N, C-alpha and C. Protein backbone atom coordinates (compact mmCIF):
# COMPACT_ATOMS: atom_id res chain seq x y z
N UNK A 1 147.50 95.87 223.00
CA UNK A 1 146.83 95.42 221.81
C UNK A 1 146.41 93.96 221.98
N UNK A 2 145.19 93.65 221.67
CA UNK A 2 144.66 92.30 221.79
C UNK A 2 145.07 91.47 220.58
N UNK A 3 145.43 90.22 220.85
CA UNK A 3 145.75 89.34 219.74
C UNK A 3 144.48 89.02 218.97
N UNK A 4 144.58 88.99 217.66
CA UNK A 4 143.43 88.67 216.81
C UNK A 4 143.11 87.19 216.91
N UNK A 5 144.14 86.36 216.91
CA UNK A 5 143.97 84.92 216.91
C UNK A 5 144.15 84.38 218.32
N UNK A 6 143.06 83.88 218.91
CA UNK A 6 143.14 83.31 220.25
C UNK A 6 142.31 82.03 220.31
N UNK A 7 142.46 81.28 221.37
CA UNK A 7 141.79 79.99 221.51
C UNK A 7 140.27 80.12 221.42
N UNK A 8 139.72 81.15 222.01
CA UNK A 8 138.26 81.34 221.97
C UNK A 8 137.77 81.50 220.53
N UNK A 9 138.46 82.30 219.75
CA UNK A 9 138.09 82.51 218.35
C UNK A 9 138.26 81.21 217.56
N UNK A 10 139.34 80.51 217.80
CA UNK A 10 139.60 79.26 217.09
C UNK A 10 138.46 78.27 217.33
N UNK A 11 138.07 78.09 218.57
CA UNK A 11 137.00 77.15 218.86
C UNK A 11 135.64 77.65 218.37
N UNK A 12 135.45 78.95 218.32
CA UNK A 12 134.20 79.49 217.77
C UNK A 12 134.08 79.13 216.29
N UNK A 13 135.17 79.31 215.56
CA UNK A 13 135.18 78.98 214.13
C UNK A 13 135.01 77.48 213.92
N UNK A 14 135.77 76.69 214.65
CA UNK A 14 135.71 75.24 214.46
C UNK A 14 134.36 74.66 214.88
N UNK A 15 133.74 75.23 215.88
CA UNK A 15 132.40 74.78 216.28
C UNK A 15 131.39 75.07 215.17
N UNK A 16 131.54 76.20 214.52
CA UNK A 16 130.64 76.54 213.43
C UNK A 16 130.86 75.60 212.23
N UNK A 17 132.10 75.27 211.96
CA UNK A 17 132.41 74.34 210.86
C UNK A 17 131.76 72.98 211.11
N UNK A 18 131.68 72.58 212.36
CA UNK A 18 131.03 71.31 212.70
C UNK A 18 129.55 71.30 212.31
N UNK A 19 128.94 72.46 212.22
CA UNK A 19 127.51 72.56 211.90
C UNK A 19 127.20 72.46 210.41
N UNK A 20 128.21 72.58 209.56
CA UNK A 20 127.97 72.51 208.11
C UNK A 20 127.57 71.08 207.79
N UNK A 21 126.38 70.89 207.23
CA UNK A 21 125.92 69.52 206.97
C UNK A 21 126.65 68.87 205.80
N UNK A 22 126.69 67.54 205.82
CA UNK A 22 127.25 66.80 204.69
C UNK A 22 126.51 67.20 203.43
N UNK A 23 127.25 67.34 202.34
CA UNK A 23 126.64 67.71 201.07
C UNK A 23 126.52 69.21 200.87
N UNK A 24 126.95 69.98 201.86
CA UNK A 24 126.92 71.44 201.78
C UNK A 24 128.32 71.99 201.99
N UNK A 25 128.54 73.20 201.50
CA UNK A 25 129.79 73.90 201.74
C UNK A 25 129.48 75.31 202.22
N UNK A 26 130.41 75.88 202.95
CA UNK A 26 130.33 77.28 203.37
C UNK A 26 131.55 77.98 202.78
N UNK A 27 131.50 79.29 202.70
CA UNK A 27 132.67 80.04 202.25
C UNK A 27 133.37 80.63 203.47
N UNK A 28 134.64 80.96 203.28
CA UNK A 28 135.39 81.60 204.37
C UNK A 28 134.69 82.87 204.82
N UNK A 29 134.21 83.65 203.86
CA UNK A 29 133.51 84.90 204.18
C UNK A 29 132.21 84.67 204.91
N UNK A 30 131.50 83.62 204.54
CA UNK A 30 130.24 83.28 205.21
C UNK A 30 130.51 82.96 206.69
N UNK A 31 131.56 82.21 206.94
CA UNK A 31 131.91 81.88 208.33
C UNK A 31 132.30 83.15 209.08
N UNK A 32 133.09 84.01 208.43
CA UNK A 32 133.50 85.27 209.07
C UNK A 32 132.28 86.12 209.42
N UNK A 33 131.32 86.19 208.51
CA UNK A 33 130.09 86.95 208.78
C UNK A 33 129.32 86.35 209.95
N UNK A 34 129.23 85.02 210.01
CA UNK A 34 128.45 84.36 211.05
C UNK A 34 129.03 84.55 212.45
N UNK A 35 130.33 84.82 212.53
CA UNK A 35 130.93 85.06 213.85
C UNK A 35 131.16 86.56 214.09
N UNK A 36 130.47 87.37 213.29
CA UNK A 36 130.54 88.83 213.42
C UNK A 36 131.95 89.38 213.22
N UNK A 37 132.65 88.82 212.25
CA UNK A 37 133.96 89.32 211.86
C UNK A 37 134.01 89.48 210.35
N UNK A 38 133.11 90.31 209.81
CA UNK A 38 133.11 90.50 208.36
C UNK A 38 134.47 90.98 207.88
N UNK A 39 134.80 90.60 206.67
CA UNK A 39 136.08 90.96 206.06
C UNK A 39 137.27 90.26 206.69
N UNK A 40 137.03 89.19 207.44
CA UNK A 40 138.13 88.42 208.02
C UNK A 40 138.20 87.00 207.45
N UNK A 41 137.87 86.86 206.18
CA UNK A 41 137.87 85.54 205.54
C UNK A 41 139.25 84.90 205.58
N UNK A 42 140.30 85.68 205.42
CA UNK A 42 141.66 85.12 205.45
C UNK A 42 141.99 84.57 206.84
N UNK A 43 141.49 85.22 207.86
CA UNK A 43 141.70 84.73 209.22
C UNK A 43 141.02 83.38 209.40
N UNK A 44 139.85 83.22 208.82
CA UNK A 44 139.15 81.93 208.88
C UNK A 44 139.99 80.86 208.20
N UNK A 45 140.54 81.19 207.04
CA UNK A 45 141.42 80.25 206.34
C UNK A 45 142.62 79.85 207.18
N UNK A 46 143.20 80.80 207.86
CA UNK A 46 144.35 80.53 208.74
C UNK A 46 143.95 79.57 209.85
N UNK A 47 142.82 79.82 210.48
CA UNK A 47 142.35 78.95 211.56
C UNK A 47 142.10 77.54 211.04
N UNK A 48 141.47 77.42 209.88
CA UNK A 48 141.17 76.10 209.34
C UNK A 48 142.45 75.36 208.96
N UNK A 49 143.47 76.08 208.56
CA UNK A 49 144.74 75.43 208.21
C UNK A 49 145.42 74.84 209.44
N UNK A 50 145.03 75.28 210.63
CA UNK A 50 145.61 74.77 211.87
C UNK A 50 144.68 73.81 212.60
N UNK A 51 143.55 73.49 212.01
CA UNK A 51 142.52 72.72 212.72
C UNK A 51 142.98 71.36 213.20
N UNK A 52 143.91 70.74 212.50
CA UNK A 52 144.37 69.40 212.90
C UNK A 52 144.95 69.38 214.31
N UNK A 53 145.39 70.51 214.81
CA UNK A 53 145.95 70.59 216.16
C UNK A 53 144.86 70.64 217.24
N UNK A 54 143.61 70.79 216.81
CA UNK A 54 142.50 70.94 217.76
C UNK A 54 141.51 69.79 217.70
N UNK A 55 141.68 68.88 216.77
CA UNK A 55 140.75 67.76 216.65
C UNK A 55 140.40 67.50 215.21
N UNK A 56 139.33 66.74 215.02
CA UNK A 56 138.90 66.35 213.67
C UNK A 56 137.67 67.18 213.28
N UNK A 57 137.85 68.07 212.33
CA UNK A 57 136.78 68.97 211.89
C UNK A 57 136.59 68.84 210.38
N UNK A 58 135.37 69.00 209.88
CA UNK A 58 135.12 68.88 208.45
C UNK A 58 135.49 70.15 207.66
N UNK A 59 136.74 70.54 207.76
CA UNK A 59 137.20 71.77 207.10
C UNK A 59 137.14 71.66 205.58
N UNK A 60 137.02 70.44 205.07
CA UNK A 60 136.90 70.27 203.62
C UNK A 60 135.62 70.89 203.09
N UNK A 61 134.68 71.21 203.98
CA UNK A 61 133.41 71.80 203.56
C UNK A 61 133.47 73.31 203.46
N UNK A 62 134.65 73.89 203.51
CA UNK A 62 134.79 75.34 203.41
C UNK A 62 135.62 75.66 202.15
N UNK A 63 135.09 76.56 201.33
CA UNK A 63 135.71 76.94 200.06
C UNK A 63 135.76 78.46 199.96
N UNK A 64 136.40 78.97 198.91
CA UNK A 64 136.44 80.43 198.79
C UNK A 64 135.14 80.97 198.21
N UNK A 65 135.03 82.26 198.07
CA UNK A 65 133.77 82.91 197.65
C UNK A 65 133.31 82.50 196.26
N UNK A 66 134.21 81.99 195.43
CA UNK A 66 133.84 81.51 194.10
C UNK A 66 133.59 80.01 194.07
N UNK A 67 133.74 79.35 195.21
CA UNK A 67 133.54 77.91 195.27
C UNK A 67 134.81 77.12 195.01
N UNK A 68 135.94 77.80 194.90
CA UNK A 68 137.21 77.12 194.61
C UNK A 68 137.71 76.39 195.85
N UNK A 69 138.14 75.16 195.64
CA UNK A 69 138.72 74.40 196.74
C UNK A 69 140.14 74.88 196.99
N UNK A 70 140.67 74.54 198.14
CA UNK A 70 142.02 74.97 198.52
C UNK A 70 143.07 74.23 197.69
N UNK A 71 143.99 74.95 197.04
CA UNK A 71 144.94 74.31 196.14
C UNK A 71 145.89 73.32 196.82
N UNK A 72 146.18 73.50 198.08
CA UNK A 72 147.13 72.62 198.76
C UNK A 72 146.45 71.55 199.61
N UNK A 73 145.14 71.50 199.60
CA UNK A 73 144.38 70.52 200.37
C UNK A 73 143.99 69.41 199.39
N UNK A 74 144.90 68.49 199.17
CA UNK A 74 144.77 67.50 198.10
C UNK A 74 143.56 66.58 198.25
N UNK A 75 143.14 66.30 199.46
CA UNK A 75 142.02 65.39 199.69
C UNK A 75 140.66 66.08 199.65
N UNK A 76 140.63 67.39 199.58
CA UNK A 76 139.38 68.13 199.71
C UNK A 76 138.36 67.73 198.66
N UNK A 77 138.76 67.65 197.41
CA UNK A 77 137.81 67.33 196.35
C UNK A 77 137.23 65.93 196.56
N UNK A 78 138.07 64.97 196.86
CA UNK A 78 137.59 63.60 197.07
C UNK A 78 136.60 63.53 198.23
N UNK A 79 136.90 64.23 199.32
CA UNK A 79 135.99 64.23 200.47
C UNK A 79 134.64 64.84 200.09
N UNK A 80 134.65 65.91 199.32
CA UNK A 80 133.40 66.55 198.92
C UNK A 80 132.62 65.67 197.94
N UNK A 81 133.30 65.07 196.99
CA UNK A 81 132.64 64.18 196.03
C UNK A 81 131.99 63.02 196.77
N UNK A 82 132.67 62.51 197.79
CA UNK A 82 132.11 61.41 198.59
C UNK A 82 130.85 61.83 199.34
N UNK A 83 130.64 63.14 199.50
CA UNK A 83 129.44 63.66 200.15
C UNK A 83 128.42 64.13 199.10
N UNK A 84 128.64 63.75 197.85
CA UNK A 84 127.75 64.07 196.73
C UNK A 84 127.70 65.56 196.39
N UNK A 85 128.78 66.28 196.67
CA UNK A 85 128.89 67.68 196.28
C UNK A 85 129.31 67.72 194.81
N UNK A 86 128.57 68.47 194.01
CA UNK A 86 128.85 68.59 192.58
C UNK A 86 129.81 69.74 192.31
N UNK A 87 130.62 69.56 191.28
CA UNK A 87 131.58 70.56 190.86
C UNK A 87 131.20 71.13 189.51
N UNK A 88 131.44 72.44 189.33
CA UNK A 88 131.22 73.09 188.03
C UNK A 88 132.36 72.75 187.08
N UNK A 89 133.55 72.63 187.63
CA UNK A 89 134.74 72.24 186.87
C UNK A 89 135.66 71.51 187.84
N UNK A 90 136.89 71.32 187.50
CA UNK A 90 137.76 70.49 188.33
C UNK A 90 138.12 71.10 189.69
N UNK A 91 137.94 72.39 189.86
CA UNK A 91 138.35 73.03 191.12
C UNK A 91 137.27 73.88 191.79
N UNK A 92 136.06 73.95 191.19
CA UNK A 92 135.02 74.82 191.74
C UNK A 92 133.73 74.06 192.06
N UNK A 93 133.31 74.18 193.30
CA UNK A 93 132.06 73.58 193.75
C UNK A 93 130.90 74.36 193.14
N UNK A 94 129.82 73.69 192.87
CA UNK A 94 128.60 74.34 192.40
C UNK A 94 127.93 74.98 193.63
N UNK A 95 128.24 76.25 193.86
CA UNK A 95 127.71 76.94 195.05
C UNK A 95 126.20 77.13 194.99
N UNK A 96 125.66 77.32 193.81
CA UNK A 96 124.20 77.49 193.71
C UNK A 96 123.48 76.26 194.27
N UNK A 97 124.08 75.12 194.06
CA UNK A 97 123.47 73.87 194.50
C UNK A 97 123.83 73.48 195.94
N UNK A 98 125.05 73.82 196.37
CA UNK A 98 125.56 73.25 197.62
C UNK A 98 125.95 74.25 198.72
N UNK A 99 125.77 75.54 198.49
CA UNK A 99 126.13 76.51 199.54
C UNK A 99 125.21 76.34 200.74
N UNK A 100 125.80 76.32 201.90
CA UNK A 100 125.07 76.11 203.16
C UNK A 100 124.05 77.22 203.34
N UNK A 101 122.82 76.82 203.51
CA UNK A 101 121.74 77.77 203.77
C UNK A 101 121.41 77.71 205.27
N UNK A 102 121.75 78.76 205.95
CA UNK A 102 121.52 78.81 207.39
C UNK A 102 120.12 79.33 207.65
N UNK A 103 119.38 78.59 208.47
CA UNK A 103 118.00 79.02 208.74
C UNK A 103 117.92 79.86 209.99
C-alpha cells in the first residue's frame, strides 16, 4: 500500500500555495482539485499544518470552502488583513471578492 502523504505530495501542495497572490485566498478543496486529488481537502489541511518544517509558505492564504479561517491559526486574520483581504464577519473571508481565480 502506498503512503498517501509523501515528500513529493507535500512539495506539490506547498509549491501551489506559493502561487496564491497577495490579496487572494484559495480553499483547501480548490488546492486539492488543482493537484488532481479531489475530495482530499483534509489532506491539504494536514500538509499546511506541517509547512513550517519545510520552509516559509503563505499558508495563511488558504481557508475552508466557506471562507472560514483556521481556528487555531491565531495570526491568520492579521496576515490577511495586512494584504487587504476583506472579511464578511470576524472569521470569514469574503470569497466572492478574494477567491483566487486561476487563469
